[in-house]
Amino acid sequence: MIMTIRFIRSFVAVLAFCLTLLLPATYGFSQEAAKAPDDTGQEIDRYCTNITDKAADARYAMQTRELQQLREDIDSRIELLDAKRQEYEVWLKRRDEFIDKAEDSLVGIISKMRPDAAAAQMALLGDEAAAALLLKLNPRVSSVILNEMPPEKSSKLARVIVGSRVVTTKERTAQ
């Protein structure tokens, strides 16, 4: 951005210089310029033409440098994002392993509890968590626990369990 401003300022300065050379010849401020207006005009035109190519080349080079810098910045950010993504994947894997171990141990604990105590504990859990635990338990133990729960809670859990299974069209027509 700073390079662009500098370039524009220098370009304006060169343009102003070219115009100052043209003004005296055009308006008769200089007697020498009035005597040979074609020579001065041709020199100015040649000078401005030569400068224009160099200015365009400088502008393109500056834009190329800026694009390269932006590309490098984007590449470094992509590398940072990839590193973060890998870090999150490792964390998620560890979390999933922990949850699997915790669920297995919780299933074991609940299956060994008295049905009324297990029902009281599961009634306090969220519906999805309680339904998942009931699905992992032995059907005989699950039915006793559901029997011990308040009817509203057991019906909610039954709806969650039924809703979690995808029923195919073939099964619907058979019912």
C-alpha atoms as a PDB file:
ATOM      1  CA  MET A   1       0.000   0.000   0.000  1.00  0.00           C
ATOM      2  CA  ILE A   2       2.812   2.394   0.913  1.00  0.00           C
ATOM      3  CA  MET A   3       4.654   1.425  -2.248  1.00  0.00           C
ATOM      4  CA  THR A   4       1.542   2.250  -4.267  1.00  0.00           C
ATOM      5  CA  ILE A   5       1.269   5.689  -2.688  1.00  0.00           C
ATOM      6  CA  ARG A   6       4.961   6.384  -3.330  1.00  0.00           C
ATOM      7  CA  PHE A   7       4.612   5.238  -6.901  1.00  0.00           C
ATOM      8  CA  ILE A   8       1.569   7.452  -7.464  1.00  0.00           C
ATOM      9  CA  ARG A   9       3.360  10.435  -5.938  1.00  0.00           C
ATOM     10  CA  SER A  10       6.414   9.968  -8.143  1.00  0.00           C
ATOM     11  CA  PHE A  11       4.210   9.460 -11.190  1.00  0.00           C
ATOM     12  CA  VAL A  12       2.324  12.688 -10.413  1.00  0.00           C
ATOM     13  CA  ALA A  13       5.648  14.511  -9.970  1.00  0.00           C
ATOM     14  CA  VAL A  14       6.869  13.310 -13.373  1.00  0.00           C
ATOM     15  CA  LEU A  15       3.546  14.234 -14.937  1.00  0.00           C
ATOM     16  CA  ALA A  16       3.718  17.679 -13.348  1.00  0.00           C
ATOM     17  CA  PHE A  17       7.253  18.088 -14.670  1.00  0.00           C
ATOM     18  CA  CYS A  18       6.058  17.152 -18.156  1.00  0.00           C
ATOM     19  CA  LEU A  19       3.201  19.630 -17.910  1.00  0.00           C
ATOM     20  CA  THR A  20       5.476  22.412 -16.708  1.00  0.00           C
ATOM     21  CA  LEU A  21       7.592  21.894 -19.785  1.00  0.00           C
ATOM     22  CA  LEU A  22       4.523  22.064 -21.992  1.00  0.00           C
ATOM     23  CA  LEU A  23       2.844  25.104 -20.395  1.00  0.00           C
ATOM     24  CA  PRO A  24       5.454  27.758 -21.228  1.00  0.00           C
ATOM     25  CA  ALA A  25       5.580  26.629 -24.837  1.00  0.00           C
ATOM     26  CA  THR A  26       1.831  26.548 -25.145  1.00  0.00           C
ATOM     27  CA  TYR A  27       1.051  29.908 -23.568  1.00  0.00           C
ATOM     28  CA  GLY A  28       4.088  31.855 -24.818  1.00  0.00           C
ATOM     29  CA  PHE A  29       5.801  32.218 -21.427  1.00  0.00           C
ATOM     30  CA  SER A  30       9.180  31.425 -22.871  1.00  0.00           C
ATOM     31  CA  GLN A  31      10.568  33.005 -26.007  1.00  0.00           C
ATOM     32  CA  GLU A  32      12.859  30.054 -26.615  1.00  0.00           C
ATOM     33  CA  ALA A  33       9.972  27.669 -26.383  1.00  0.00           C
ATOM     34  CA  ALA A  34       7.975  29.843 -28.764  1.00  0.00           C
ATOM     35  CA  LYS A  35      10.751  29.639 -31.315  1.00  0.00           C
ATOM     36  CA  ALA A  36      10.997  25.847 -31.309  1.00  0.00           C
ATOM     37  CA  PRO A  37       7.731  24.403 -30.033  1.00  0.00           C
ATOM     38  CA  ASP A  38       7.996  21.204 -32.092  1.00  0.00           C
ATOM     39  CA  ASP A  39      11.426  20.216 -30.737  1.00  0.00           C
ATOM     40  CA  THR A  40      10.419  20.680 -27.105  1.00  0.00           C
ATOM     41  CA  GLY A  41       7.080  18.920 -27.598  1.00  0.00           C
ATOM     42  CA  GLN A  42       8.744  15.961 -29.260  1.00  0.00           C
ATOM     43  CA  GLU A  43      11.304  15.669 -26.458  1.00  0.00           C
ATOM     44  CA  ILE A  44       8.575  15.818 -23.847  1.00  0.00           C
ATOM     45  CA  ASP A  45       6.541  13.226 -25.669  1.00  0.00           C
ATOM     46  CA  ARG A  46       9.549  10.905 -25.938  1.00  0.00           C
ATOM     47  CA  TYR A  47      10.411  11.432 -22.271  1.00  0.00           C
ATOM     48  CA  CYS A  48       6.847  10.749 -21.107  1.00  0.00           C
ATOM     49  CA  THR A  49       6.585   7.707 -23.366  1.00  0.00           C
ATOM     50  CA  ASN A  50       9.829   6.282 -21.985  1.00  0.00           C
ATOM     51  CA  ILE A  51       8.727   6.974 -18.412  1.00  0.00           C
ATOM     52  CA  THR A  52       5.294   5.398 -18.979  1.00  0.00           C
ATOM     53  CA  ASP A  53       6.783   1.991 -19.838  1.00  0.00           C
ATOM     54  CA  LYS A  54       9.099   2.079 -16.838  1.00  0.00           C
ATOM     55  CA  ALA A  55       6.255   3.215 -14.574  1.00  0.00           C
ATOM     56  CA  ALA A  56       4.000   0.413 -15.796  1.00  0.00           C
ATOM     57  CA  ASP A  57       6.807  -2.108 -15.272  1.00  0.00           C
ATOM     58  CA  ALA A  58       7.396  -0.770 -11.763  1.00  0.00           C
ATOM     59  CA  ARG A  59       3.679  -0.934 -11.015  1.00  0.00           C
ATOM     60  CA  TYR A  60       3.457  -4.550 -12.230  1.00  0.00           C
ATOM     61  CA  ALA A  61       6.551  -5.506 -10.257  1.00  0.00           C
ATOM     62  CA  MET A  62       5.101  -3.907  -7.130  1.00  0.00           C
ATOM     63  CA  GLN A  63       1.781  -5.705  -7.598  1.00  0.00           C
ATOM     64  CA  THR A  64       3.631  -8.983  -8.130  1.00  0.00           C
ATOM     65  CA  ARG A  65       5.560  -8.472  -4.877  1.00  0.00           C
ATOM     66  CA  GLU A  66       2.345  -7.668  -3.008  1.00  0.00           C
ATOM     67  CA  LEU A  67       0.620 -10.755  -4.425  1.00  0.00           C
ATOM     68  CA  GLN A  68       3.599 -12.919  -3.499  1.00  0.00           C
ATOM     69  CA  GLN A  69       3.553 -11.532   0.041  1.00  0.00           C
ATOM     70  CA  LEU A  70      -0.184 -12.192   0.311  1.00  0.00           C
ATOM     71  CA  ARG A  71       0.312 -15.724  -1.015  1.00  0.00           C
ATOM     72  CA  GLU A  72       2.998 -16.379   1.604  1.00  0.00           C
ATOM     73  CA  ASP A  73       0.725 -14.992   4.322  1.00  0.00           C
ATOM     74  CA  ILE A  74      -2.145 -17.214   3.202  1.00  0.00           C
ATOM     75  CA  ASP A  75       0.142 -20.260   3.067  1.00  0.00           C
ATOM     76  CA  SER A  76       1.363 -19.618   6.605  1.00  0.00           C
ATOM     77  CA  ARG A  77      -2.209 -19.257   7.839  1.00  0.00           C
ATOM     78  CA  ILE A  78      -3.193 -22.494   6.113  1.00  0.00           C
ATOM     79  CA  GLU A  79      -0.318 -24.246   7.866  1.00  0.00           C
ATOM     80  CA  LEU A  80      -1.504 -22.853  11.214  1.00  0.00           C
ATOM     81  CA  LEU A  81      -5.044 -24.010  10.516  1.00  0.00           C
ATOM     82  CA  ASP A  82      -3.831 -27.495   9.582  1.00  0.00           C
ATOM     83  CA  ALA A  83      -1.842 -27.700  12.802  1.00  0.00           C
ATOM     84  CA  LYS A  84      -4.908 -26.630  14.815  1.00  0.00           C
ATOM     85  CA  ARG A  85      -7.100 -29.122  12.957  1.00  0.00           C
ATOM     86  CA  GLN A  86      -4.683 -31.945  13.764  1.00  0.00           C
ATOM     87  CA  GLU A  87      -4.567 -30.825  17.400  1.00  0.00           C
ATOM     88  CA  TYR A  88      -8.377 -30.867  17.580  1.00  0.00           C
ATOM     89  CA  GLU A  89      -8.541 -34.296  15.937  1.00  0.00           C
ATOM     90  CA  VAL A  90      -6.171 -35.697  18.561  1.00  0.00           C
ATOM     91  CA  TRP A  91      -8.195 -34.058  21.312  1.00  0.00           C
ATOM     92  CA  LEU A  92     -11.480 -35.375  19.863  1.00  0.00           C
ATOM     93  CA  LYS A  93     -10.063 -38.889  19.595  1.00  0.00           C
ATOM     94  CA  ARG A  94      -8.952 -38.798  23.241  1.00  0.00           C
ATOM     95  CA  ARG A  95     -12.352 -37.439  24.257  1.00  0.00           C
ATOM     96  CA  ASP A  96     -14.206 -40.161  22.354  1.00  0.00           C
ATOM     97  CA  GLU A  97     -12.012 -42.851  23.917  1.00  0.00           C
ATOM     98  CA  PHE A  98     -12.690 -41.414  27.363  1.00  0.00           C
ATOM     99  CA  ILE A  99     -16.438 -41.284  26.740  1.00  0.00           C
ATOM    100  CA  ASP A 100     -16.454 -44.879  25.493  1.00  0.00           C
ATOM    101  CA  LYS A 101     -14.614 -46.038  28.618  1.00  0.00           C
ATOM    102  CA  ALA A 102     -16.890 -43.967  30.843  1.00  0.00           C
ATOM    103  CA  GLU A 103     -20.028 -45.320  29.165  1.00  0.00           C
ATOM    104  CA  ASP A 104     -18.838 -48.901  29.480  1.00  0.00           C
ATOM    105  CA  SER A 105     -18.032 -48.476  33.148  1.00  0.00           C
ATOM    106  CA  LEU A 106     -21.318 -46.627  33.766  1.00  0.00           C
ATOM    107  CA  VAL A 107     -23.260 -49.427  32.082  1.00  0.00           C
ATOM    108  CA  GLY A 108     -21.491 -51.895  34.354  1.00  0.00           C
ATOM    109  CA  ILE A 109     -22.259 -49.805  37.431  1.00  0.00           C
ATOM    110  CA  ILE A 110     -25.936 -49.316  36.592  1.00  0.00           C
ATOM    111  CA  SER A 111     -26.414 -52.991  35.721  1.00  0.00           C
ATOM    112  CA  LYS A 112     -25.167 -53.942  39.211  1.00  0.00           C
ATOM    113  CA  MET A 113     -27.360 -51.380  41.044  1.00  0.00           C
ATOM    114  CA  ARG A 114     -30.741 -52.115  42.534  1.00  0.00           C
ATOM    115  CA  PRO A 115     -33.421 -51.276  39.929  1.00  0.00           C
ATOM    116  CA  ASP A 116     -35.088 -48.591  42.070  1.00  0.00           C
ATOM    117  CA  ALA A 117     -31.747 -46.821  42.729  1.00  0.00           C
ATOM    118  CA  ALA A 118     -30.735 -47.080  39.067  1.00  0.00           C
ATOM    119  CA  ALA A 119     -34.126 -45.697  38.009  1.00  0.00           C
ATOM    120  CA  ALA A 120     -33.721 -42.743  40.359  1.00  0.00           C
ATOM    121  CA  GLN A 121     -30.248 -41.992  38.997  1.00  0.00           C
ATOM    122  CA  MET A 122     -31.280 -42.348  35.354  1.00  0.00           C
ATOM    123  CA  ALA A 123     -34.347 -40.169  35.880  1.00  0.00           C
ATOM    124  CA  LEU A 124     -31.960 -37.314  36.677  1.00  0.00           C
ATOM    125  CA  LEU A 125     -29.916 -37.822  33.496  1.00  0.00           C
ATOM    126  CA  GLY A 126     -30.773 -36.180  30.214  1.00  0.00           C
ATOM    127  CA  ASP A 127     -33.160 -38.077  28.000  1.00  0.00           C
ATOM    128  CA  GLU A 128     -30.640 -38.981  25.325  1.00  0.00           C
ATOM    129  CA  ALA A 129     -27.979 -40.108  27.804  1.00  0.00           C
ATOM    130  CA  ALA A 130     -30.472 -42.206  29.762  1.00  0.00           C
ATOM    131  CA  ALA A 131     -31.857 -43.759  26.575  1.00  0.00           C
ATOM    132  CA  ALA A 132     -28.343 -44.603  25.365  1.00  0.00           C
ATOM    133  CA  LEU A 133     -27.590 -46.295  28.690  1.00  0.00           C
ATOM    134  CA  LEU A 134     -30.825 -48.261  28.548  1.00  0.00           C
ATOM    135  CA  LEU A 135     -29.940 -49.478  25.064  1.00  0.00           C
ATOM    136  CA  LYS A 136     -26.545 -50.692  26.250  1.00  0.00           C
ATOM    137  CA  LEU A 137     -27.981 -52.562  29.226  1.00  0.00           C
ATOM    138  CA  ASN A 138     -29.350 -56.075  29.122  1.00  0.00           C
ATOM    139  CA  PRO A 139     -33.047 -55.881  28.062  1.00  0.00           C
ATOM    140  CA  ARG A 140     -34.131 -57.607  31.266  1.00  0.00           C
ATOM    141  CA  VAL A 141     -32.309 -54.999  33.417  1.00  0.00           C
ATOM    142  CA  SER A 142     -33.548 -52.117  31.226  1.00  0.00           C
ATOM    143  CA  SER A 143     -37.166 -53.202  31.545  1.00  0.00           C
ATOM    144  CA  VAL A 144     -36.944 -53.414  35.339  1.00  0.00           C
ATOM    145  CA  ILE A 145     -35.321 -49.955  35.505  1.00  0.00           C
ATOM    146  CA  LEU A 146     -37.985 -48.456  33.195  1.00  0.00           C
ATOM    147  CA  ASN A 147     -40.653 -50.067  35.387  1.00  0.00           C
ATOM    148  CA  GLU A 148     -39.226 -48.299  38.455  1.00  0.00           C
ATOM    149  CA  MET A 149     -39.132 -44.850  36.796  1.00  0.00           C
ATOM    150  CA  PRO A 150     -41.990 -42.345  36.909  1.00  0.00           C
ATOM    151  CA  PRO A 151     -44.334 -42.951  33.944  1.00  0.00           C
ATOM    152  CA  GLU A 152     -43.623 -39.565  32.318  1.00  0.00           C
ATOM    153  CA  LYS A 153     -39.870 -40.136  32.334  1.00  0.00           C
ATOM    154  CA  SER A 154     -40.104 -43.758  31.127  1.00  0.00           C
ATOM    155  CA  SER A 155     -42.419 -42.771  28.271  1.00  0.00           C
ATOM    156  CA  LYS A 156     -40.037 -39.969  27.253  1.00  0.00           C
ATOM    157  CA  LEU A 157     -37.140 -42.408  27.227  1.00  0.00           C
ATOM    158  CA  ALA A 158     -39.167 -44.908  25.210  1.00  0.00           C
ATOM    159  CA  ARG A 159     -39.933 -42.180  22.635  1.00  0.00           C
ATOM    160  CA  VAL A 160     -36.242 -41.285  22.419  1.00  0.00           C
ATOM    161  CA  ILE A 161     -35.291 -44.940  21.950  1.00  0.00           C
ATOM    162  CA  VAL A 162     -37.957 -45.495  19.290  1.00  0.00           C
ATOM    163  CA  GLY A 163     -37.070 -42.224  17.549  1.00  0.00           C
ATOM    164  CA  SER A 164     -33.374 -43.120  17.404  1.00  0.00           C
ATOM    165  CA  ARG A 165     -34.024 -46.138  15.210  1.00  0.00           C
ATOM    166  CA  VAL A 166     -34.576 -45.480  11.537  1.00  0.00           C
ATOM    167  CA  VAL A 167     -37.627 -47.382  10.364  1.00  0.00           C
ATOM    168  CA  THR A 168     -37.530 -48.410   6.721  1.00  0.00           C
ATOM    169  CA  THR A 169     -40.567 -48.260   4.463  1.00  0.00           C
ATOM    170  CA  LYS A 170     -40.641 -52.055   4.279  1.00  0.00           C
ATOM    171  CA  GLU A 171     -40.902 -52.329   8.068  1.00  0.00           C
ATOM    172  CA  ARG A 172     -43.688 -49.727   8.195  1.00  0.00           C
ATOM    173  CA  THR A 173     -45.791 -51.591   5.696  1.00  0.00           C
ATOM    174  CA  ALA A 174     -45.269 -54.872   7.577  1.00  0.00           C
ATOM    175  CA  GLN A 175     -46.664 -53.306  10.767  1.00  0.00           C
END
